[in-house]
């Protein structure tokens, strides 16, 4: 989703916290295990966040995906 976002600065700003969170999760996975449901929900959130940050939240083409 980093390839050709509508606004690269906004994309980076919106994803810095996601990158930090993913790094913390990777570094602490043995000491702080999460359930499969928690991991699935985090993956879903990160995926939806990546899509929304690619287009910026207000310009996501929801109508195109529904067709």
PDB file of N, CA and C in Angstrom:
ATOM      1  N   UNK A   1       0.809  -1.192   0.000  1.00  0.00           N
ATOM      2  CA  UNK A   1       0.000   0.000   0.000  1.00  0.00           C
ATOM      3  C   UNK A   1       0.858   1.265   0.000  1.00  0.00           C
ATOM      4  N   UNK A   2       2.150   1.113   0.062  1.00  0.00           N
ATOM      5  CA  UNK A   2       3.029   2.281   0.038  1.00  0.00           C
ATOM      6  C   UNK A   2       3.306   2.747  -1.389  1.00  0.00           C
ATOM      7  N   UNK A   3       2.928   1.946  -2.353  1.00  0.00           N
ATOM      8  CA  UNK A   3       3.185   2.318  -3.737  1.00  0.00           C
ATOM      9  C   UNK A   3       2.149   3.342  -4.203  1.00  0.00           C
ATOM     10  N   UNK A   4       2.610   4.529  -4.502  1.00  0.00           N
ATOM     11  CA  UNK A   4       1.810   5.624  -5.063  1.00  0.00           C
ATOM     12  C   UNK A   4       0.564   5.963  -4.244  1.00  0.00           C
ATOM     13  N   UNK A   5       0.714   6.250  -2.948  1.00  0.00           N
ATOM     14  CA  UNK A   5      -0.459   6.719  -2.200  1.00  0.00           C
ATOM     15  C   UNK A   5      -0.842   8.120  -2.667  1.00  0.00           C
ATOM     16  N   UNK A   6      -2.049   8.538  -2.369  1.00  0.00           N
ATOM     17  CA  UNK A   6      -2.494   9.858  -2.815  1.00  0.00           C
ATOM     18  C   UNK A   6      -1.673  10.973  -2.175  1.00  0.00           C
ATOM     19  N   UNK A   7      -1.315  10.804  -0.920  1.00  0.00           N
ATOM     20  CA  UNK A   7      -0.508  11.806  -0.212  1.00  0.00           C
ATOM     21  C   UNK A   7       0.536  11.063   0.611  1.00  0.00           C
ATOM     22  N   UNK A   8       1.782  11.066   0.130  1.00  0.00           N
ATOM     23  CA  UNK A   8       2.827  10.275   0.778  1.00  0.00           C
ATOM     24  C   UNK A   8       3.091  10.729   2.205  1.00  0.00           C
ATOM     25  N   UNK A   9       3.076  12.017   2.482  1.00  0.00           N
ATOM     26  CA  UNK A   9       3.326  12.507   3.836  1.00  0.00           C
ATOM     27  C   UNK A   9       2.226  12.060   4.793  1.00  0.00           C
ATOM     28  N   UNK A  10       0.977  12.146   4.362  1.00  0.00           N
ATOM     29  CA  UNK A  10      -0.141  11.699   5.197  1.00  0.00           C
ATOM     30  C   UNK A  10      -0.058  10.194   5.424  1.00  0.00           C
ATOM     31  N   UNK A  11       0.316   9.450   4.387  1.00  0.00           N
ATOM     32  CA  UNK A  11       0.446   8.001   4.519  1.00  0.00           C
ATOM     33  C   UNK A  11       1.490   7.646   5.567  1.00  0.00           C
ATOM     34  N   UNK A  12       2.638   8.305   5.499  1.00  0.00           N
ATOM     35  CA  UNK A  12       3.703   8.035   6.454  1.00  0.00           C
ATOM     36  C   UNK A  12       3.276   8.404   7.867  1.00  0.00           C
ATOM     37  N   UNK A  13       2.652   9.551   8.020  1.00  0.00           N
ATOM     38  CA  UNK A  13       2.196   9.989   9.334  1.00  0.00           C
ATOM     39  C   UNK A  13       1.169   9.026   9.920  1.00  0.00           C
ATOM     40  N   UNK A  14       0.256   8.539   9.103  1.00  0.00           N
ATOM     41  CA  UNK A  14      -0.780   7.628   9.583  1.00  0.00           C
ATOM     42  C   UNK A  14      -0.229   6.243   9.907  1.00  0.00           C
ATOM     43  N   UNK A  15       0.894   5.856   9.314  1.00  0.00           N
ATOM     44  CA  UNK A  15       1.409   4.500   9.493  1.00  0.00           C
ATOM     45  C   UNK A  15       2.595   4.381  10.436  1.00  0.00           C
ATOM     46  N   UNK A  16       3.130   5.473  10.907  1.00  0.00           N
ATOM     47  CA  UNK A  16       4.260   5.395  11.828  1.00  0.00           C
ATOM     48  C   UNK A  16       3.884   4.594  13.068  1.00  0.00           C
ATOM     49  N   UNK A  17       2.745   4.874  13.640  1.00  0.00           N
ATOM     50  CA  UNK A  17       2.321   4.155  14.840  1.00  0.00           C
ATOM     51  C   UNK A  17       2.062   2.672  14.545  1.00  0.00           C
ATOM     52  N   UNK A  18       1.559   2.358  13.376  1.00  0.00           N
ATOM     53  CA  UNK A  18       1.338   0.958  12.993  1.00  0.00           C
ATOM     54  C   UNK A  18       2.672   0.226  12.878  1.00  0.00           C
ATOM     55  N   UNK A  19       3.681   0.872  12.286  1.00  0.00           N
ATOM     56  CA  UNK A  19       5.001   0.254  12.173  1.00  0.00           C
ATOM     57  C   UNK A  19       5.608   0.004  13.546  1.00  0.00           C
ATOM     58  N   UNK A  20       5.465   0.974  14.436  1.00  0.00           N
ATOM     59  CA  UNK A  20       5.994   0.819  15.796  1.00  0.00           C
ATOM     60  C   UNK A  20       5.258  -0.306  16.517  1.00  0.00           C
ATOM     61  N   UNK A  21       3.937  -0.350  16.392  1.00  0.00           N
ATOM     62  CA  UNK A  21       3.155  -1.398  17.054  1.00  0.00           C
ATOM     63  C   UNK A  21       3.526  -2.780  16.522  1.00  0.00           C
ATOM     64  N   UNK A  22       3.691  -2.898  15.219  1.00  0.00           N
ATOM     65  CA  UNK A  22       4.071  -4.192  14.633  1.00  0.00           C
ATOM     66  C   UNK A  22       5.452  -4.622  15.119  1.00  0.00           C
ATOM     67  N   UNK A  23       6.371  -3.683  15.220  1.00  0.00           N
ATOM     68  CA  UNK A  23       7.707  -3.999  15.718  1.00  0.00           C
ATOM     69  C   UNK A  23       7.658  -4.453  17.181  1.00  0.00           C
ATOM     70  N   UNK A  24       6.890  -3.762  17.997  1.00  0.00           N
ATOM     71  CA  UNK A  24       6.752  -4.150  19.408  1.00  0.00           C
ATOM     72  C   UNK A  24       6.113  -5.531  19.520  1.00  0.00           C
ATOM     73  N   UNK A  25       5.102  -5.798  18.719  1.00  0.00           N
ATOM     74  CA  UNK A  25       4.457  -7.116  18.747  1.00  0.00           C
ATOM     75  C   UNK A  25       5.431  -8.217  18.334  1.00  0.00           C
ATOM     76  N   UNK A  26       6.250  -7.952  17.328  1.00  0.00           N
ATOM     77  CA  UNK A  26       7.223  -8.954  16.897  1.00  0.00           C
ATOM     78  C   UNK A  26       8.295  -9.200  17.950  1.00  0.00           C
ATOM     79  N   UNK A  27       8.717  -8.155  18.625  1.00  0.00           N
ATOM     80  CA  UNK A  27       9.777  -8.302  19.621  1.00  0.00           C
ATOM     81  C   UNK A  27       9.301  -8.926  20.932  1.00  0.00           C
ATOM     82  N   UNK A  28       8.011  -8.862  21.215  1.00  0.00           N
ATOM     83  CA  UNK A  28       7.500  -9.349  22.495  1.00  0.00           C
ATOM     84  C   UNK A  28       6.560 -10.547  22.364  1.00  0.00           C
ATOM     85  N   UNK A  29       6.530 -11.186  21.186  1.00  0.00           N
ATOM     86  CA  UNK A  29       5.543 -12.250  20.992  1.00  0.00           C
ATOM     87  C   UNK A  29       5.763 -13.450  21.909  1.00  0.00           C
ATOM     88  N   UNK A  30       6.972 -13.693  22.356  1.00  0.00           N
ATOM     89  CA  UNK A  30       7.205 -14.828  23.264  1.00  0.00           C
ATOM     90  C   UNK A  30       6.818 -14.506  24.698  1.00  0.00           C
ATOM     91  N   UNK A  31       6.953 -13.252  25.083  1.00  0.00           N
ATOM     92  CA  UNK A  31       6.663 -12.855  26.465  1.00  0.00           C
ATOM     93  C   UNK A  31       5.213 -12.438  26.662  1.00  0.00           C
ATOM     94  N   UNK A  32       4.569 -11.957  25.593  1.00  0.00           N
ATOM     95  CA  UNK A  32       3.179 -11.518  25.663  1.00  0.00           C
ATOM     96  C   UNK A  32       2.366 -12.213  24.574  1.00  0.00           C
ATOM     97  N   UNK A  33       2.045 -13.476  24.761  1.00  0.00           N
ATOM     98  CA  UNK A  33       1.320 -14.194  23.705  1.00  0.00           C
ATOM     99  C   UNK A  33      -0.128 -13.703  23.585  1.00  0.00           C
ATOM    100  N   UNK A  34      -0.583 -13.591  22.362  1.00  0.00           N
ATOM    101  CA  UNK A  34      -1.962 -13.209  22.085  1.00  0.00           C
ATOM    102  C   UNK A  34      -2.728 -14.423  21.581  1.00  0.00           C
ATOM    103  N   UNK A  35      -4.032 -14.409  21.763  1.00  0.00           N
ATOM    104  CA  UNK A  35      -4.861 -15.490  21.249  1.00  0.00           C
ATOM    105  C   UNK A  35      -4.960 -15.370  19.729  1.00  0.00           C
ATOM    106  N   UNK A  36      -5.428 -16.413  19.088  1.00  0.00           N
ATOM    107  CA  UNK A  36      -5.606 -16.371  17.636  1.00  0.00           C
ATOM    108  C   UNK A  36      -6.616 -15.305  17.244  1.00  0.00           C
ATOM    109  N   UNK A  37      -7.656 -15.158  18.056  1.00  0.00           N
ATOM    110  CA  UNK A  37      -8.659 -14.133  17.772  1.00  0.00           C
ATOM    111  C   UNK A  37      -8.038 -12.742  17.840  1.00  0.00           C
ATOM    112  N   UNK A  38      -7.225 -12.493  18.845  1.00  0.00           N
ATOM    113  CA  UNK A  38      -6.567 -11.190  18.969  1.00  0.00           C
ATOM    114  C   UNK A  38      -5.654 -10.923  17.774  1.00  0.00           C
ATOM    115  N   UNK A  39      -4.891 -11.913  17.370  1.00  0.00           N
ATOM    116  CA  UNK A  39      -4.002 -11.749  16.222  1.00  0.00           C
ATOM    117  C   UNK A  39      -4.793 -11.515  14.939  1.00  0.00           C
ATOM    118  N   UNK A  40      -5.894 -12.224  14.786  1.00  0.00           N
ATOM    119  CA  UNK A  40      -6.736 -12.042  13.605  1.00  0.00           C
ATOM    120  C   UNK A  40      -7.331 -10.645  13.568  1.00  0.00           C
ATOM    121  N   UNK A  41      -7.814 -10.162  14.710  1.00  0.00           N
ATOM    122  CA  UNK A  41      -8.393  -8.820  14.764  1.00  0.00           C
ATOM    123  C   UNK A  41      -7.342  -7.737  14.539  1.00  0.00           C
ATOM    124  N   UNK A  42      -6.146  -7.937  15.051  1.00  0.00           N
ATOM    125  CA  UNK A  42      -5.069  -6.986  14.784  1.00  0.00           C
ATOM    126  C   UNK A  42      -4.714  -6.970  13.299  1.00  0.00           C
ATOM    127  N   UNK A  43      -4.626  -8.133  12.682  1.00  0.00           N
ATOM    128  CA  UNK A  43      -4.335  -8.212  11.256  1.00  0.00           C
ATOM    129  C   UNK A  43      -5.430  -7.522  10.445  1.00  0.00           C
ATOM    130  N   UNK A  44      -6.675  -7.730  10.812  1.00  0.00           N
ATOM    131  CA  UNK A  44      -7.786  -7.080  10.128  1.00  0.00           C
ATOM    132  C   UNK A  44      -7.699  -5.563  10.268  1.00  0.00           C
ATOM    133  N   UNK A  45      -7.416  -5.094  11.484  1.00  0.00           N
ATOM    134  CA  UNK A  45      -7.286  -3.661  11.704  1.00  0.00           C
ATOM    135  C   UNK A  45      -6.132  -3.087  10.894  1.00  0.00           C
ATOM    136  N   UNK A  46      -4.970  -3.741  10.928  1.00  0.00           N
ATOM    137  CA  UNK A  46      -3.814  -3.240  10.192  1.00  0.00           C
ATOM    138  C   UNK A  46      -4.085  -3.214   8.688  1.00  0.00           C
ATOM    139  N   UNK A  47      -4.793  -4.218   8.187  1.00  0.00           N
ATOM    140  CA  UNK A  47      -5.119  -4.268   6.758  1.00  0.00           C
ATOM    141  C   UNK A  47      -6.067  -3.146   6.362  1.00  0.00           C
ATOM    142  N   UNK A  48      -7.137  -2.969   7.129  1.00  0.00           N
ATOM    143  CA  UNK A  48      -8.084  -1.893   6.824  1.00  0.00           C
ATOM    144  C   UNK A  48      -7.427  -0.523   6.978  1.00  0.00           C
ATOM    145  N   UNK A  49      -6.571  -0.391   7.964  1.00  0.00           N
ATOM    146  CA  UNK A  49      -5.862   0.868   8.158  1.00  0.00           C
ATOM    147  C   UNK A  49      -4.925   1.152   6.982  1.00  0.00           C
ATOM    148  N   UNK A  50      -4.264   0.135   6.466  1.00  0.00           N
ATOM    149  CA  UNK A  50      -3.367   0.317   5.324  1.00  0.00           C
ATOM    150  C   UNK A  50      -4.131   0.770   4.086  1.00  0.00           C
ATOM    151  N   UNK A  51      -5.289   0.183   3.852  1.00  0.00           N
ATOM    152  CA  UNK A  51      -6.119   0.594   2.709  1.00  0.00           C
ATOM    153  C   UNK A  51      -6.584   2.033   2.888  1.00  0.00           C
ATOM    154  N   UNK A  52      -7.079   2.350   4.074  1.00  0.00           N
ATOM    155  CA  UNK A  52      -7.590   3.698   4.323  1.00  0.00           C
ATOM    156  C   UNK A  52      -6.485   4.743   4.255  1.00  0.00           C
ATOM    157  N   UNK A  53      -5.297   4.417   4.729  1.00  0.00           N
ATOM    158  CA  UNK A  53      -4.219   5.400   4.687  1.00  0.00           C
ATOM    159  C   UNK A  53      -3.658   5.561   3.275  1.00  0.00           C
ATOM    160  N   UNK A  54      -3.796   4.547   2.441  1.00  0.00           N
ATOM    161  CA  UNK A  54      -3.343   4.664   1.056  1.00  0.00           C
ATOM    162  C   UNK A  54      -4.134   5.740   0.318  1.00  0.00           C
ATOM    163  N   UNK A  55      -5.436   5.760   0.520  1.00  0.00           N
ATOM    164  CA  UNK A  55      -6.301   6.708  -0.173  1.00  0.00           C
ATOM    165  C   UNK A  55      -6.557   7.966   0.649  1.00  0.00           C
ATOM    166  N   UNK A  56      -6.136   8.030   1.858  1.00  0.00           N
ATOM    167  CA  UNK A  56      -6.566   8.943   2.918  1.00  0.00           C
ATOM    168  C   UNK A  56      -8.012   8.569   3.233  1.00  0.00           C
ATOM    169  N   UNK A  57      -8.365   8.659   4.461  1.00  0.00           N
ATOM    170  CA  UNK A  57      -9.634   8.108   4.926  1.00  0.00           C
ATOM    171  C   UNK A  57     -10.844   8.660   4.185  1.00  0.00           C
ATOM    172  N   UNK A  58     -10.830   9.924   3.847  1.00  0.00           N
ATOM    173  CA  UNK A  58     -12.013  10.524   3.225  1.00  0.00           C
ATOM    174  C   UNK A  58     -12.180  10.174   1.756  1.00  0.00           C
ATOM    175  N   UNK A  59     -11.159   9.623   1.110  1.00  0.00           N
ATOM    176  CA  UNK A  59     -11.227   9.353  -0.327  1.00  0.00           C
ATOM    177  C   UNK A  59     -11.208   7.871  -0.682  1.00  0.00           C
ATOM    178  N   UNK A  60     -11.432   6.986   0.264  1.00  0.00           N
ATOM    179  CA  UNK A  60     -11.444   5.549  -0.021  1.00  0.00           C
ATOM    180  C   UNK A  60     -12.629   5.244  -0.937  1.00  0.00           C
ATOM    181  N   UNK A  61     -12.396   4.557  -2.064  1.00  0.00           N
ATOM    182  CA  UNK A  61     -13.475   4.288  -3.022  1.00  0.00           C
ATOM    183  C   UNK A  61     -14.359   3.118  -2.593  1.00  0.00           C
ATOM    184  N   UNK A  62     -15.183   3.330  -1.607  1.00  0.00           N
ATOM    185  CA  UNK A  62     -16.072   2.270  -1.112  1.00  0.00           C
ATOM    186  C   UNK A  62     -17.069   1.830  -2.180  1.00  0.00           C
ATOM    187  N   UNK A  63     -17.556   2.786  -2.950  1.00  0.00           N
ATOM    188  CA  UNK A  63     -18.555   2.456  -3.979  1.00  0.00           C
ATOM    189  C   UNK A  63     -17.979   1.544  -5.047  1.00  0.00           C
ATOM    190  N   UNK A  64     -16.728   1.745  -5.431  1.00  0.00           N
ATOM    191  CA  UNK A  64     -16.106   0.897  -6.445  1.00  0.00           C
ATOM    192  C   UNK A  64     -15.944  -0.531  -5.951  1.00  0.00           C
ATOM    193  N   UNK A  65     -15.629  -0.697  -4.683  1.00  0.00           N
ATOM    194  CA  UNK A  65     -15.452  -2.035  -4.129  1.00  0.00           C
ATOM    195  C   UNK A  65     -16.787  -2.767  -3.992  1.00  0.00           C
ATOM    196  N   UNK A  66     -17.857  -2.029  -3.797  1.00  0.00           N
ATOM    197  CA  UNK A  66     -19.179  -2.653  -3.641  1.00  0.00           C
ATOM    198  C   UNK A  66     -19.746  -3.132  -4.989  1.00  0.00           C
ATOM    199  N   UNK A  67     -19.264  -2.570  -6.076  1.00  0.00           N
ATOM    200  CA  UNK A  67     -19.814  -2.931  -7.395  1.00  0.00           C
ATOM    201  C   UNK A  67     -19.253  -4.189  -7.906  1.00  0.00           C
TER     202      UNK A  67
END
